[in-house]
Amino acid sequence: MTGPWKKLVGIFVVLAVFSGMVAAASLQEIRDLASTAQEGDVQFTWWDNETLVNLSDGRTAWMQTNFWNIKNGTGEVFMRYIKQSDEFAFYTNLTNVQTKYGGIAWATPNVIFAGRLPKAWWGNKPPVGGYGFFDLPIPAGDIKNYSTILAKADFELAKGENTLVRPGFMMWFENSAGQPLAEVYVPFFDDYNGIVGAQYPPAEVGNITATVHINGEAKNVTFRVQKAWNWNNFAFDFIPEEPLATTSGEVIVDLRPIVDKVVEEIIADEYSDYTEDDITWTSLSFATYAGSEGDSFELGWILHDARIVQPLPPELEKIKEFASKAEEGDIQFTWWDQFLEEAIQLSDGRTVWMQTNFWNIVDGQGEVFMRFAKSTEEFGFYVDLDNVQTQWGGKGWATPEVIFAGRAPASWWGNKSPVGGYGFFDLPIPAGDISKYEHIWVKANYEVAKTKGLVRFGINLWVEDTSGNPIGEIYVPFFDDFGGILGDRKEIGTVTSTVIVNGEEKTMDFTVQRALSGGGWAVLLFMPQEPLPESAEVKIDVKPFMDKVVEQLSDYFGMPVDQQVWCSMSIGSYSGGEDPAQGFEYGWIVHDVRIDSVEAAPVTETTTTTTTTTTTKTSTTSSSTTTTTTTTTTTTKTTTTTTTTTSSEQTTTTSEKEEGGICGPGIIIGLAALPLILRRKR
């Protein structure tokens, strides 16, 4: 979130789950925000206004004060669209209120964020929204095409002592003639405890259950349903069994079961002759139905965000749920500027380090979660940000990662201890020692999913000089939406390495890209010519890549080998997007990442088969001399040919015979087993 009323949901959790929220704004703070205006804002200073608003992401909205039951009063009214942050603010403080129709409900200030009011009121104006994946109006018969319809509101609210308010979602339905058919309320709480002011008392028409996310936590909520005839149309109120949010919160409601209930009740009503074909859902808004039992009321709210949320693909929904949930003992970040104080201790004695590392982002709207789950020792990351503001521009914004060996270059890392603790292989090590290893195997079991933005997921390595300054940034991506190093780069050949994907061994070629970073260090990227899966268990030998790195740092960048130090290995995602306004949304789970030990490393057995072919040729050179030539060919690692010549006093006709068979130890197991384990050369 951003703008004048940015708030961060949750705080950093270490060793215990603890989440909270910044206190909601006071009435005075909301008044100050609603009553001021800057260039580009839209502001109303009385109650009889409404207008279209163009949002920065291309959507449209409609804001209206809608004081439908007030004809006079003393006091002030402000409603403001804040262009800088795409937020809305409303404030009123009225006394001596004179109503048109009596009663205790007077006004419904609202922001329509999808669709339009019934056509009889709206006229020929275009509807608002512009989501593409879901837009209103929609015929009731088409609602079944959507398994979920998610409406989101992120708000803060304050009210005077005697003020009554029903904040939440409001919808309108129309009939086939465009006349109002039903007004529907889905309150977050309801001071009225149901429908008031209708022509006939409301009827209780059962309960429905809907999925609701409150500040990121999903729960199934039961709503008590009231129905009434409100003079010219139906009225429905879906009252939650307990308040969803009172003074502030981010609330996402799946409206599908609610809309289904509305349509069902309209058709089933004993005085109704409507069919599904006669009903159209026309609008969705954030609204505050408000009034008082006296003659005055004071109310203010800030709407940080209101929209229809596109349902996540199941694989990303799973990742988000994992990253955003926390249990006792977990470590969780809930924004990008949170950091560990010490390394994470794993149950097998190893240590790791996790960091969001949003190095190019200074602000944005949305949510970020990064979690270490203590019970399973897995890592989860999820981000959904738009309106991203960067420090240096460009498409690359963030590199969330888990360091599983070593540390970042010492000039950044400071005096903290490196992570790892493998014993048989630990970083940092001098570059000259890399040659002592035939193979350096890394194992990673991971899942990645995204809806928007660019992601390069894989292994990241750093090399420093002997003073601790960075001299080499190295990427071994499993897949790369960026297509490699951004900016000027040069391809300098290929490197071949062994990769085992979900148990299947492959020899893979990687194209080597080289560049000089803006920070002054070398960048090398090893792009797989065949991308690896977005979810897999991968074992990869990183030794060939590091051999190339040492060579390039020495031969091209002029850094002697004895001044190079390989200092870290991490798994994570270099990420960003084409358009900062659209932002990025993706996530990953790392189920396991480690340097494989000798016992755990993959071992390949090679079976050598030796095949021998014998060819015998007999020819008569004279009436008394016969020459027999026998050629034996043995195929293993080598080919042996033996020729034998004999003489006999016998006349023979010419014949030719060819045989194939196994000779010697026909099958030799492990004769040339490949050394696919990390070990020092003998």
Foldseek 3Di string as FASTA:
>chain_A
DDDPDDWFWFAWDAQFDDTDTDDFDELVVLCVVQVDADPPKDKDKDQADKDKDQAPLGFIKIWHWFQPFFDDWDWIWMWMQHRVQRKIKIKTWTFQTDTDPDDFWGTKTWMWAAFAAQCVPGPPDGTTHPPVVDGDWDQLVCLVVDPFWKKKWWKFKDWDPFKWKFWDKWWWKAFQVSHTAEIEGEGLAGSVVDDPQAPDDKDFDAKDWWWKAKSRRIDIWIWTWIWGHRPPYIYIYTHTPDGSDDGTTMMMIGCSVVSVVVQVCQVPDPPHPDDSRTMITGTMITIMRMGGPHRIIIMMMMTSDIHTDDDDDPLQVVLSSVQVDARRNKTKHKDQPDADPAWDAAPVGFTKGWHWFQPFFDDWDWIWMWMQHRVQRKIKIWTATFLTDTDPDDFWGTWTWMWAAFDAQCVPGPPGGTTHPPVQDGDWDQLVCLQQKPFWKKKWFKAKDWDAWWKFWDKWWFKAFPVRHTAEIEEETLATRVQDDPDDKDWDAWWWWWKAWQNRIDIWIWTWIWDADPVGHIYIYTHTPDHHDNGTIMMITCSRVSVVVLCCCCVPVNDHSRGMITGTMITTIRIGHDHRRNIIIMMMMISDIHTDAQVRFDWAKDKWFKKKKKKKWWDDPDQQWIWIWIWIWIDTPDTDTDIDIDIGRDDDDIDIDMDMDGDDPRIDMRPPIDSRHIDGDD
